[in-house]
N, C-alpha and C. Protein backbone atom coordinates (compact mmCIF):
# COMPACT_ATOMS: atom_id res chain seq x y z
N GLY A 1 -83.65 -90.12 47.59
CA GLY A 1 -83.60 -91.45 47.08
C GLY A 1 -82.38 -92.19 47.58
N THR A 2 -82.16 -93.34 47.03
CA THR A 2 -81.07 -94.21 47.45
C THR A 2 -79.70 -93.60 47.19
N SER A 3 -79.50 -92.95 46.04
CA SER A 3 -78.19 -92.36 45.75
C SER A 3 -77.89 -91.20 46.68
N ALA A 4 -78.91 -90.44 47.09
CA ALA A 4 -78.70 -89.35 48.05
C ALA A 4 -78.30 -89.92 49.41
N GLN A 5 -78.93 -91.03 49.81
CA GLN A 5 -78.57 -91.66 51.08
C GLN A 5 -77.15 -92.20 51.02
N ALA A 6 -76.76 -92.79 49.92
CA ALA A 6 -75.41 -93.33 49.78
C ALA A 6 -74.39 -92.20 49.85
N GLY A 7 -74.67 -91.08 49.17
CA GLY A 7 -73.77 -89.94 49.21
C GLY A 7 -73.62 -89.38 50.62
N SER A 8 -74.72 -89.32 51.34
CA SER A 8 -74.71 -88.84 52.73
C SER A 8 -73.89 -89.78 53.60
N SER A 9 -74.03 -91.07 53.38
CA SER A 9 -73.28 -92.07 54.14
C SER A 9 -71.78 -91.92 53.92
N VAL A 10 -71.39 -91.70 52.68
CA VAL A 10 -69.96 -91.51 52.35
C VAL A 10 -69.42 -90.29 53.07
N LEU A 11 -70.18 -89.19 53.06
CA LEU A 11 -69.73 -87.97 53.74
C LEU A 11 -69.61 -88.19 55.25
N GLN A 12 -70.54 -88.92 55.83
CA GLN A 12 -70.49 -89.19 57.26
C GLN A 12 -69.27 -90.05 57.62
N LEU A 13 -68.94 -91.01 56.76
CA LEU A 13 -67.82 -91.89 57.05
C LEU A 13 -66.47 -91.23 56.81
N ARG A 14 -66.44 -90.19 56.02
CA ARG A 14 -65.17 -89.52 55.69
C ARG A 14 -64.43 -89.05 56.95
N LYS A 15 -65.16 -88.50 57.93
CA LYS A 15 -64.48 -88.02 59.15
C LYS A 15 -63.86 -89.18 59.93
N TYR A 16 -64.49 -90.34 59.88
CA TYR A 16 -63.92 -91.51 60.55
C TYR A 16 -62.71 -92.04 59.80
N TRP A 17 -62.76 -91.95 58.47
CA TRP A 17 -61.62 -92.40 57.66
C TRP A 17 -60.36 -91.63 58.05
N ARG A 18 -60.49 -90.34 58.30
CA ARG A 18 -59.34 -89.52 58.70
C ARG A 18 -58.79 -89.96 60.05
N GLN A 19 -59.61 -90.60 60.85
CA GLN A 19 -59.19 -91.04 62.19
C GLN A 19 -58.80 -92.52 62.23
N ARG A 20 -58.68 -93.15 61.08
CA ARG A 20 -58.50 -94.60 61.04
C ARG A 20 -57.30 -95.10 61.85
N TYR A 21 -56.21 -94.34 61.93
CA TYR A 21 -55.04 -94.81 62.67
C TYR A 21 -55.21 -94.67 64.18
N SER A 22 -56.14 -93.83 64.62
CA SER A 22 -56.43 -93.80 66.05
C SER A 22 -57.38 -94.94 66.42
N LEU A 23 -58.17 -95.39 65.44
CA LEU A 23 -59.05 -96.53 65.69
C LEU A 23 -58.25 -97.83 65.75
N PHE A 24 -57.37 -98.01 64.76
CA PHE A 24 -56.47 -99.17 64.71
C PHE A 24 -55.11 -98.68 64.22
N ARG A 25 -54.13 -98.72 65.08
CA ARG A 25 -52.78 -98.25 64.76
C ARG A 25 -52.24 -98.89 63.48
N LEU A 26 -52.52 -100.15 63.28
CA LEU A 26 -52.02 -100.90 62.12
C LEU A 26 -53.11 -101.01 61.04
N PHE A 27 -53.87 -99.97 60.85
CA PHE A 27 -55.01 -100.00 59.93
C PHE A 27 -54.63 -100.54 58.55
N ASP A 28 -53.48 -100.17 58.06
CA ASP A 28 -53.06 -100.58 56.70
C ASP A 28 -52.63 -102.05 56.61
N LYS A 29 -52.68 -102.77 57.70
CA LYS A 29 -52.28 -104.18 57.71
C LYS A 29 -53.46 -105.12 57.49
N GLY A 30 -54.55 -104.62 56.92
CA GLY A 30 -55.68 -105.49 56.59
C GLY A 30 -56.87 -105.37 57.51
N ILE A 31 -56.98 -104.30 58.27
CA ILE A 31 -58.13 -104.11 59.15
C ILE A 31 -59.40 -104.03 58.31
N GLN A 32 -60.42 -104.75 58.75
CA GLN A 32 -61.70 -104.76 58.05
C GLN A 32 -62.75 -104.06 58.90
N MET A 33 -63.55 -103.23 58.24
CA MET A 33 -64.60 -102.48 58.93
C MET A 33 -65.88 -102.55 58.11
N ASP A 34 -67.02 -102.54 58.78
CA ASP A 34 -68.28 -102.33 58.07
C ASP A 34 -68.74 -100.91 58.40
N ASP A 35 -69.83 -100.47 57.80
CA ASP A 35 -70.28 -99.09 58.00
C ASP A 35 -70.49 -98.75 59.48
N GLU A 36 -71.08 -99.65 60.23
CA GLU A 36 -71.34 -99.38 61.65
C GLU A 36 -70.06 -99.32 62.46
N ALA A 37 -69.10 -100.14 62.13
CA ALA A 37 -67.85 -100.18 62.89
C ALA A 37 -67.11 -98.85 62.88
N TRP A 38 -67.22 -98.12 61.79
CA TRP A 38 -66.50 -96.84 61.69
C TRP A 38 -66.85 -95.89 62.82
N TYR A 39 -68.09 -95.89 63.25
CA TYR A 39 -68.47 -94.94 64.31
C TYR A 39 -68.67 -95.61 65.67
N SER A 40 -68.58 -96.93 65.73
CA SER A 40 -68.82 -97.59 67.01
C SER A 40 -67.57 -98.25 67.63
N VAL A 41 -66.52 -98.43 66.84
CA VAL A 41 -65.33 -99.08 67.39
C VAL A 41 -64.64 -98.17 68.41
N THR A 42 -64.15 -98.77 69.48
CA THR A 42 -63.40 -98.04 70.49
C THR A 42 -62.00 -97.78 69.96
N PRO A 43 -61.52 -96.54 70.00
CA PRO A 43 -60.15 -96.27 69.55
C PRO A 43 -59.15 -97.16 70.30
N GLU A 44 -58.13 -97.60 69.59
CA GLU A 44 -57.18 -98.57 70.15
C GLU A 44 -56.58 -98.12 71.48
N SER A 45 -56.18 -96.87 71.60
CA SER A 45 -55.55 -96.42 72.86
C SER A 45 -56.52 -96.51 74.03
N VAL A 46 -57.78 -96.20 73.80
CA VAL A 46 -58.80 -96.29 74.85
C VAL A 46 -59.07 -97.75 75.20
N ALA A 47 -59.19 -98.59 74.18
CA ALA A 47 -59.44 -100.02 74.41
C ALA A 47 -58.30 -100.65 75.21
N ARG A 48 -57.07 -100.27 74.91
CA ARG A 48 -55.92 -100.82 75.66
C ARG A 48 -55.94 -100.39 77.12
N GLN A 49 -56.27 -99.13 77.37
CA GLN A 49 -56.35 -98.65 78.77
C GLN A 49 -57.45 -99.37 79.53
N GLN A 50 -58.60 -99.53 78.90
CA GLN A 50 -59.70 -100.24 79.56
C GLN A 50 -59.34 -101.69 79.82
N ALA A 51 -58.72 -102.34 78.86
CA ALA A 51 -58.36 -103.75 79.02
C ALA A 51 -57.34 -103.94 80.14
N ALA A 52 -56.40 -103.02 80.26
CA ALA A 52 -55.40 -103.12 81.32
C ALA A 52 -56.05 -103.05 82.70
N ARG A 53 -57.13 -102.30 82.80
CA ARG A 53 -57.84 -102.18 84.08
C ARG A 53 -58.74 -103.38 84.34
N CYS A 54 -59.04 -104.16 83.30
CA CYS A 54 -59.97 -105.29 83.41
C CYS A 54 -59.27 -106.64 83.39
N ARG A 55 -57.96 -106.68 83.60
CA ARG A 55 -57.22 -107.95 83.55
C ARG A 55 -57.98 -109.03 84.31
N CYS A 56 -58.20 -110.17 83.62
CA CYS A 56 -58.95 -111.25 84.24
C CYS A 56 -58.73 -112.54 83.47
N ALA A 57 -59.31 -113.62 83.94
CA ALA A 57 -59.17 -114.91 83.26
C ALA A 57 -60.07 -114.99 82.03
N VAL A 58 -61.31 -114.48 82.15
CA VAL A 58 -62.27 -114.53 81.04
C VAL A 58 -62.96 -113.18 80.93
N ALA A 59 -62.99 -112.64 79.72
CA ALA A 59 -63.68 -111.37 79.46
C ALA A 59 -64.72 -111.59 78.37
N VAL A 60 -65.81 -110.81 78.44
CA VAL A 60 -66.86 -110.88 77.43
C VAL A 60 -67.00 -109.50 76.79
N ASP A 61 -66.90 -109.46 75.47
CA ASP A 61 -67.19 -108.25 74.71
C ASP A 61 -68.54 -108.50 74.06
N ALA A 62 -69.60 -107.99 74.68
CA ALA A 62 -70.97 -108.31 74.27
C ALA A 62 -71.42 -107.60 73.00
N PHE A 63 -70.69 -106.59 72.57
CA PHE A 63 -71.01 -105.85 71.35
C PHE A 63 -69.72 -105.68 70.57
N THR A 64 -69.16 -106.77 70.09
CA THR A 64 -67.79 -106.77 69.59
C THR A 64 -67.54 -105.94 68.34
N GLY A 65 -68.50 -105.85 67.44
CA GLY A 65 -68.29 -105.04 66.24
C GLY A 65 -67.00 -105.42 65.52
N ALA A 66 -66.13 -104.44 65.29
CA ALA A 66 -64.87 -104.69 64.59
C ALA A 66 -63.80 -105.29 65.51
N GLY A 67 -64.10 -105.38 66.80
CA GLY A 67 -63.21 -106.07 67.70
C GLY A 67 -62.20 -105.23 68.45
N GLY A 68 -62.33 -103.92 68.44
CA GLY A 68 -61.36 -103.07 69.14
C GLY A 68 -61.17 -103.47 70.59
N ASN A 69 -62.27 -103.65 71.32
CA ASN A 69 -62.17 -104.03 72.73
C ASN A 69 -61.74 -105.49 72.88
N ALA A 70 -62.30 -106.37 72.07
CA ALA A 70 -61.96 -107.80 72.17
C ALA A 70 -60.47 -108.04 71.94
N ILE A 71 -59.90 -107.35 70.97
CA ILE A 71 -58.48 -107.51 70.66
C ILE A 71 -57.63 -107.01 71.83
N ALA A 72 -57.99 -105.86 72.38
CA ALA A 72 -57.25 -105.33 73.53
C ALA A 72 -57.40 -106.25 74.74
N LEU A 73 -58.61 -106.75 74.98
CA LEU A 73 -58.83 -107.66 76.10
C LEU A 73 -58.02 -108.95 75.94
N ALA A 74 -57.87 -109.43 74.71
CA ALA A 74 -57.12 -110.66 74.47
C ALA A 74 -55.65 -110.51 74.88
N ARG A 75 -55.14 -109.31 74.86
CA ARG A 75 -53.75 -109.07 75.28
C ARG A 75 -53.61 -109.12 76.80
N GLU A 76 -54.70 -108.92 77.50
CA GLU A 76 -54.66 -108.82 78.97
C GLU A 76 -55.31 -110.00 79.68
N CYS A 77 -56.23 -110.67 79.02
CA CYS A 77 -57.03 -111.72 79.67
C CYS A 77 -56.72 -113.08 79.07
N GLY A 78 -57.00 -114.11 79.81
CA GLY A 78 -56.72 -115.46 79.34
C GLY A 78 -57.61 -115.90 78.19
N HIS A 79 -58.85 -115.44 78.18
CA HIS A 79 -59.82 -115.87 77.18
C HIS A 79 -60.84 -114.75 76.96
N VAL A 80 -61.22 -114.52 75.71
CA VAL A 80 -62.21 -113.49 75.40
C VAL A 80 -63.35 -114.12 74.59
N ILE A 81 -64.56 -113.83 75.02
CA ILE A 81 -65.75 -114.26 74.29
C ILE A 81 -66.29 -113.01 73.60
N ALA A 82 -66.33 -113.04 72.27
CA ALA A 82 -66.81 -111.90 71.48
C ALA A 82 -68.20 -112.22 70.92
N ILE A 83 -69.16 -111.36 71.21
CA ILE A 83 -70.55 -111.57 70.81
C ILE A 83 -71.02 -110.35 70.01
N ASP A 84 -71.81 -110.60 68.99
CA ASP A 84 -72.46 -109.51 68.26
C ASP A 84 -73.74 -110.07 67.65
N CYS A 85 -74.70 -109.18 67.39
CA CYS A 85 -75.97 -109.63 66.80
C CYS A 85 -75.84 -109.85 65.30
N SER A 86 -74.72 -109.45 64.71
CA SER A 86 -74.50 -109.62 63.28
C SER A 86 -73.43 -110.67 63.04
N GLU A 87 -73.79 -111.70 62.30
CA GLU A 87 -72.83 -112.76 62.01
C GLU A 87 -71.60 -112.23 61.28
N SER A 88 -71.80 -111.28 60.37
CA SER A 88 -70.66 -110.74 59.63
C SER A 88 -69.72 -109.96 60.55
N ARG A 89 -70.27 -109.29 61.56
CA ARG A 89 -69.40 -108.55 62.48
C ARG A 89 -68.65 -109.46 63.43
N VAL A 90 -69.16 -110.64 63.67
CA VAL A 90 -68.44 -111.57 64.54
C VAL A 90 -67.13 -112.02 63.86
N ARG A 91 -67.11 -111.98 62.54
CA ARG A 91 -65.88 -112.35 61.80
C ARG A 91 -64.83 -111.25 61.82
N LEU A 92 -65.24 -110.00 61.97
CA LEU A 92 -64.31 -108.87 61.91
C LEU A 92 -63.19 -108.95 62.97
N PRO A 93 -63.50 -109.23 64.25
CA PRO A 93 -62.42 -109.26 65.23
C PRO A 93 -61.35 -110.31 64.94
N LYS A 94 -61.77 -111.47 64.46
CA LYS A 94 -60.80 -112.51 64.11
C LYS A 94 -59.85 -112.03 63.04
N SER A 95 -60.42 -111.45 62.00
CA SER A 95 -59.62 -110.94 60.90
C SER A 95 -58.74 -109.79 61.36
N ASN A 96 -59.29 -108.88 62.16
CA ASN A 96 -58.54 -107.71 62.59
C ASN A 96 -57.45 -108.05 63.61
N ALA A 97 -57.66 -109.09 64.38
CA ALA A 97 -56.61 -109.52 65.33
C ALA A 97 -55.42 -110.09 64.58
N ALA A 98 -55.69 -110.73 63.45
CA ALA A 98 -54.60 -111.29 62.64
C ALA A 98 -53.83 -110.21 61.91
N GLY A 99 -54.51 -109.07 61.64
CA GLY A 99 -53.88 -107.96 60.91
C GLY A 99 -52.87 -107.29 61.73
């Protein structure tokens, strides 16, 4: 039933919770995540390395989620376009960049 699914979801997310500081170094500064972001966000160190290799004037993060890549790209590129199929996830990178 629904409560069994919720319990399973909590257990699945627990392993990501333990890794929260590798996902976002400043996690305690107000980082916002939804259930999908926990397992899909690029860890900050990886996102920074990728962004450094992609230095450019304009970058597109076509699956922005919580914004790990978009935030790293913003440090290296002049402009970043963040796209996601979920309106609520499009708000996460803005909030997380401010954190």
